[in-house]
Protein backbone atom coordinates (compact mmCIF):
# COMPACT_ATOMS: atom_id res chain seq x y z
CA MET A 1 99.75 118.19 31.69
CA PRO A 2 97.75 115.40 33.32
CA PRO A 3 94.77 117.46 34.49
CA LEU A 4 93.30 114.89 36.89
CA LYS A 5 96.29 114.78 39.24
CA ASN A 6 96.58 118.56 39.25
CA LYS A 7 92.87 118.99 39.98
CA THR A 8 93.06 116.50 42.87
CA SER A 9 95.36 118.73 44.91
CA LEU A 10 93.20 121.76 44.12
CA ARG A 11 90.07 119.86 45.21
CA HIS A 12 91.77 118.77 48.44
CA ALA A 13 92.82 122.35 49.10
CA ALA A 14 89.29 123.64 48.54
CA LEU A 15 87.82 121.01 50.88
CA SER A 16 90.43 121.81 53.52
CA PHE A 17 89.73 125.55 53.37
CA ALA A 18 85.96 124.88 53.57
CA GLY A 19 86.59 122.64 56.59
CA PHE A 20 88.68 125.38 58.19
CA GLY A 21 85.79 127.82 57.87
CA LEU A 22 83.22 125.45 59.33
CA LEU A 23 85.49 124.33 62.17
CA THR A 24 86.41 127.91 63.04
CA PHE A 25 82.72 128.78 63.27
CA ALA A 26 82.09 125.72 65.46
CA PHE A 27 84.94 126.65 67.80
CA LEU A 28 83.78 130.25 68.13
CA LEU A 29 80.30 129.02 69.01
CA ILE A 30 81.61 126.64 71.69
CA ALA A 31 83.95 129.32 73.03
CA LYS A 32 81.06 131.77 73.32
CA LEU A 33 78.94 129.24 75.21
CA VAL A 34 81.84 128.34 77.52
CA GLY A 35 82.70 131.97 78.16
CA ALA A 36 79.08 132.76 79.01
CA ASP A 37 78.80 129.78 81.40
CA TYR A 38 75.81 128.60 79.41
CA GLN A 39 73.83 126.25 81.63
CA ALA A 40 73.57 123.49 79.05
CA VAL A 41 77.38 123.42 78.76
CA VAL A 42 77.79 123.39 82.55
CA ASP A 43 75.33 120.50 82.87
CA PHE A 44 77.02 118.63 80.01
CA ASP A 45 80.45 119.00 81.61
CA HIS A 46 79.41 117.87 85.07
CA LYS A 47 77.37 114.94 83.73
CA TRP A 48 80.23 113.51 81.68
CA ILE A 49 82.88 114.13 84.33
CA SER A 50 80.72 112.13 86.75
CA ARG A 51 80.17 109.34 84.22
CA ILE A 52 83.84 109.01 83.27
CA GLN A 53 85.14 109.26 86.83
CA ALA A 54 82.62 106.63 87.93
CA TYR A 55 85.11 104.07 86.54
CA GLU A 56 87.88 105.30 88.85
CA SER A 57 90.26 102.54 89.93
CA PRO A 58 94.04 102.20 90.41
CA GLY A 59 94.37 100.50 87.03
CA TRP A 60 92.40 103.12 85.12
CA THR A 61 94.25 105.91 86.93
CA LYS A 62 97.61 104.45 85.95
CA LEU A 63 96.46 104.13 82.33
CA ALA A 64 95.14 107.71 82.35
CA ASP A 65 98.44 108.97 83.78
CA THR A 66 100.33 107.12 81.03
CA LEU A 67 98.10 108.50 78.26
CA SER A 68 98.37 111.98 79.73
CA TRP A 69 102.16 111.64 79.77
CA ILE A 70 102.13 110.52 76.11
CA GLY A 71 100.17 113.65 75.25
CA SER A 72 102.37 115.99 77.29
CA THR A 73 104.27 118.79 75.56
CA LYS A 74 107.73 117.31 76.19
CA VAL A 75 106.83 113.89 74.81
CA VAL A 76 105.08 115.38 71.77
CA ILE A 77 108.11 117.56 71.00
CA VAL A 78 110.47 114.58 71.22
CA PHE A 79 108.17 112.46 69.03
CA VAL A 80 107.87 115.22 66.44
CA LEU A 81 111.65 115.68 66.29
CA ILE A 82 112.17 111.93 65.85
CA LEU A 83 109.58 111.83 63.05
CA ILE A 84 111.19 114.80 61.31
CA LEU A 85 114.62 113.16 61.46
CA LEU A 86 113.22 109.91 60.06
CA MET A 87 111.38 111.73 57.28
CA LEU A 88 114.53 113.57 56.26
CA PHE A 89 116.03 110.21 55.28
CA VAL A 90 113.03 109.21 53.16
CA ARG A 91 113.40 109.99 49.49
CA HIS A 92 110.85 112.35 47.98
CA LEU A 93 109.76 113.74 51.37
CA ARG A 94 111.22 117.20 50.94
CA TRP A 95 108.51 119.44 52.37
CA GLU A 96 106.52 117.01 54.52
CA PRO A 97 108.84 117.49 57.55
CA LEU A 98 108.11 121.20 57.40
CA LEU A 99 104.38 120.46 57.18
CA LEU A 100 104.62 118.26 60.29
CA LEU A 101 106.48 121.00 62.16
CA CYS A 102 104.02 123.72 61.16
CA ALA A 103 100.99 121.61 62.10
CA THR A 104 102.25 120.65 65.56
CA ALA A 105 104.12 123.80 66.55
CA GLY A 106 101.35 126.03 65.23
CA SER A 107 98.76 124.11 67.24
CA GLY A 108 100.84 124.53 70.40
CA LEU A 109 101.23 128.27 69.91
CA LEU A 110 97.52 128.62 69.14
CA ASN A 111 96.69 126.78 72.35
CA LEU A 112 98.80 129.19 74.42
CA LEU A 113 97.06 132.13 72.77
CA LEU A 114 93.57 130.72 73.34
CA LYS A 115 94.22 129.71 76.96
CA ASN A 116 95.36 133.21 77.85
CA LEU A 117 92.47 134.71 75.91
CA PHE A 118 89.70 132.73 77.65
CA ARG A 119 91.46 132.17 81.03
CA ARG A 120 89.06 129.45 82.17
CA ASP A 121 89.79 127.90 85.56
CA ARG A 122 90.36 124.17 85.88
CA PRO A 123 87.57 121.95 87.25
CA ASP A 124 87.72 121.18 90.98
CA ILE A 125 85.76 117.92 90.90
CA ASN A 126 87.73 114.94 92.26
CA ARG A 127 91.10 116.15 90.93
CA LEU A 128 93.46 113.17 90.40
CA ALA A 129 96.32 115.24 88.98
CA GLU A 130 97.59 118.78 89.33
CA GLU A 131 97.75 121.42 86.62
CA PHE A 132 98.32 125.13 87.07
CA THR A 133 97.61 126.62 83.63
CA PHE A 134 94.23 127.66 82.27
CA SER A 135 91.73 125.05 81.16
CA PHE A 136 90.13 126.03 77.82
CA PRO A 137 90.96 124.64 75.33
CA SER A 138 92.77 121.48 76.36
CA GLY A 139 96.44 121.61 75.33
CA HIS A 140 96.80 117.82 75.42
CA SER A 141 93.79 117.44 73.13
CA MET A 142 95.06 120.05 70.69
CA GLY A 143 98.54 118.57 70.65
CA ALA A 144 97.28 115.01 70.16
CA PHE A 145 94.90 116.01 67.38
CA ALA A 146 97.58 118.00 65.56
CA LEU A 147 100.25 115.31 65.85
CA TYR A 148 98.19 112.22 65.09
CA GLY A 149 95.98 114.09 62.64
CA ILE A 150 98.88 115.24 60.46
CA LEU A 151 100.52 111.82 60.87
CA ALA A 152 97.34 110.13 59.63
CA TYR A 153 97.25 112.53 56.66
CA LEU A 154 100.87 111.79 55.73
CA LEU A 155 100.51 108.03 56.16
CA TRP A 156 97.34 108.06 54.05
CA ARG A 157 99.30 109.73 51.23
CA MET A 158 102.36 107.49 51.59
CA ILE A 159 100.90 104.01 52.19
CA PRO A 160 99.57 102.23 49.08
CA SER A 161 97.59 99.54 50.91
CA PHE A 162 94.05 100.67 51.71
CA SER A 163 93.70 98.28 54.66
CA VAL A 164 96.95 99.55 56.22
CA ARG A 165 95.75 103.12 55.68
CA ILE A 166 92.55 102.36 57.59
CA ALA A 167 94.51 100.67 60.39
CA ALA A 168 96.79 103.72 60.71
CA LEU A 169 93.79 106.06 60.73
CA VAL A 170 92.02 104.01 63.43
CA LEU A 171 95.17 103.90 65.59
CA CYS A 172 95.73 107.66 65.32
CA THR A 173 92.06 108.31 66.12
CA LEU A 174 92.09 106.02 69.18
CA LEU A 175 95.24 107.65 70.54
CA THR A 176 93.77 111.12 70.11
CA LEU A 177 90.47 110.23 71.78
CA SER A 178 92.17 108.30 74.59
CA ILE A 179 94.43 111.22 75.50
CA GLY A 180 91.44 113.57 75.65
CA LEU A 181 89.44 111.15 77.81
CA SER A 182 92.41 110.72 80.16
CA ARG A 183 92.36 114.44 80.90
CA ILE A 184 88.67 114.32 81.83
CA TYR A 185 89.21 111.20 83.95
CA LEU A 186 92.05 112.89 85.85
CA GLY A 187 89.78 115.84 86.60
CA VAL A 188 92.03 118.47 85.01
CA HIS A 189 89.73 119.33 82.09
CA TYR A 190 86.04 119.76 81.42
CA PRO A 191 84.70 117.75 78.45
CA SER A 192 84.03 121.08 76.70
CA ASP A 193 87.76 121.86 77.06
CA VAL A 194 88.62 118.65 75.25
CA ILE A 195 85.98 119.10 72.53
CA GLY A 196 87.05 122.72 72.06
CA GLY A 197 90.68 121.60 71.81
CA TYR A 198 89.86 119.01 69.16
CA ILE A 199 87.89 121.50 67.08
CA ALA A 200 90.49 124.28 67.38
CA SER A 201 93.29 121.93 66.38
CA ALA A 202 91.21 120.45 63.56
CA ALA A 203 90.65 123.97 62.20
CA TRP A 204 94.39 124.70 62.32
CA LEU A 205 95.14 121.35 60.70
CA ALA A 206 92.61 122.00 57.92
CA LEU A 207 94.20 125.39 57.23
CA THR A 208 97.72 123.94 57.22
CA ILE A 209 96.81 121.05 54.92
CA GLY A 210 94.84 123.38 52.65
CA ILE A 211 97.86 125.65 52.20
CA PHE A 212 100.08 122.62 51.57
CA GLU A 213 97.70 121.11 49.00
CA TYR A 214 97.32 124.44 47.19
CA TRP A 215 101.09 124.80 47.12
CA ARG A 216 101.33 121.28 45.63
CA HIS A 217 98.75 122.28 43.03
CA THR A 218 100.68 125.36 41.93
CA LYS A 219 103.97 123.43 41.94
CA GLN A 220 102.52 120.65 39.78
CA ARG A 221 101.28 123.24 37.30
CA ARG A 222 104.79 124.66 37.03
CA LEU A 223 106.18 121.13 36.54
CA GLY A 224 103.68 120.32 33.80
CA GLY A 225 101.47 118.16 36.00
CA GLN A 226 104.28 116.09 37.50
CA SER A 227 104.87 115.78 41.24
CA GLU A 228 108.26 116.71 42.66
CA ALA A 229 108.99 113.03 43.29
CA GLU A 230 108.19 112.11 39.69
CA ARG A 231 110.36 114.93 38.40
CA GLN A 232 113.31 113.80 40.53
CA GLU A 233 112.86 110.19 39.42
CA LYS A 234 112.77 111.24 35.77
CA MET A 235 115.90 113.37 36.22
CA SER A 236 117.65 110.48 37.92
CA GLY A 237 116.64 108.14 35.11
CA ASP A 238 117.82 110.59 32.45
CA GLY A 239 121.14 110.91 34.21
CA LEU A 240 121.62 107.13 34.09
CA GLY A 241 120.74 107.03 30.43
CA ILE A 242 117.49 105.16 31.06
């Protein structure tokens, strides 16, 4: 068994589980401060809402509306379904579509649970859009982080070129940050809602990836250190007499 490849998945799993623990602690701390209306959080929220909305203009509002629409639940669901269908036609991607579904759907369900647990009202400072659900944590931020975070993870594993990997990572990061900022600009979320959403979704993503990497580790051990893709390729080659 090639030990290095097998240990890589185990190391990734361990790092992911450690990240899950740290991120969960960070979210609980932020949630406690938000729930207690800690003055430093209140001041932070109002300061950054004022700074971001100071750039208000028809052009920025249209861009914010577009980014908010991209991060909406309906658009995310459609995008996820399209990605899953495309991945089903890619050879060797047997379990990655399920990983994508678990990461995004799980983040959405977690957001519903957390919103109804904390029941924070929306900000009422210069509202440029209307929302009627609870505010903390931001659903758009959680959805964007889950979708583009897991997409960045999959692309990093699939793309051989390092420069293209970095470009994909930067693009996914910019989209995630832009969607969160659009919600603050539109006055429908406090900055702490967006930060809390990012951290909550990052924790869920770390847990999901950790489980996936540990499963890959155990599967590679059963296959003698080979990946599923390598095993299928070898079987295909043996069948052709190669």
